[in-house]
């Protein structure tokens, strides 16, 4: 099977300085007035809290370092690094949720690519797995596609309803997430492992009268992929606020 071509990124830079903002322009005046007004209001506040809020106003909320980066000192965003994603699901789970392994792997790959991590196309990985049913180790996938990292998702449980209810949606997944790092000879070492216990919505289940099952499943897998993705790219405080219900 022919190996996929990995995506490359072109980074352009300009030595020219950006044009200065002219406060005399209408839009610029409005922006300057907003910033000055915000700063003046902060001056009236007591304590160091004003500097924290000023930082939010000017630069946005602080980002959270990916757990993978923090634990390994590595980053999947490094130049020329490629990542393959594979998901395992028990046979009994596949009977209830056919192709759930492919759906999760594809959605996570999409999230990684969306956050500037170069990925092997999930269709290529699935085609290779289908033609090699006796494969066992992540090294084999990494070697085949010349990937630098292989992310493995090992599903233990997957459900879409709250407990035994048939009318309340609340997705739940328990899984183990592993990362194998490949060397130039095609040998791999597992360098990262993390347990995942995720449910959505976070606070209260959602009634089936509000949404049909298939759209909820899609939404849940999307949120699940984000949760796993945050292990490998930055996230922000407050990202899960909309996940309450």
Foldseek 3Di string as FASTA:
>chain_A
DDADDWDADDDDDDPDDDDDDDCVDPVNVVVVVVLVVLLVVLVPDDDPVSVVVNCCVPPNFDKDAAQQCVQQVDALLDHPAEEEEWEDDDPVVCVVVPCPRLLLRQLLQVVCVVQRGIYGHSVVVVVVCVVVVPDDDPLVVCLVNVHQKYKYKYWDDWDFADDPDPFWGKIWTWIKIWMWGADPVSDTDIDDIDIDIDMFLPAGTDTCVVDPDVVSVVVVSNVVSVVVNSNRDIDGPPPNVVRND
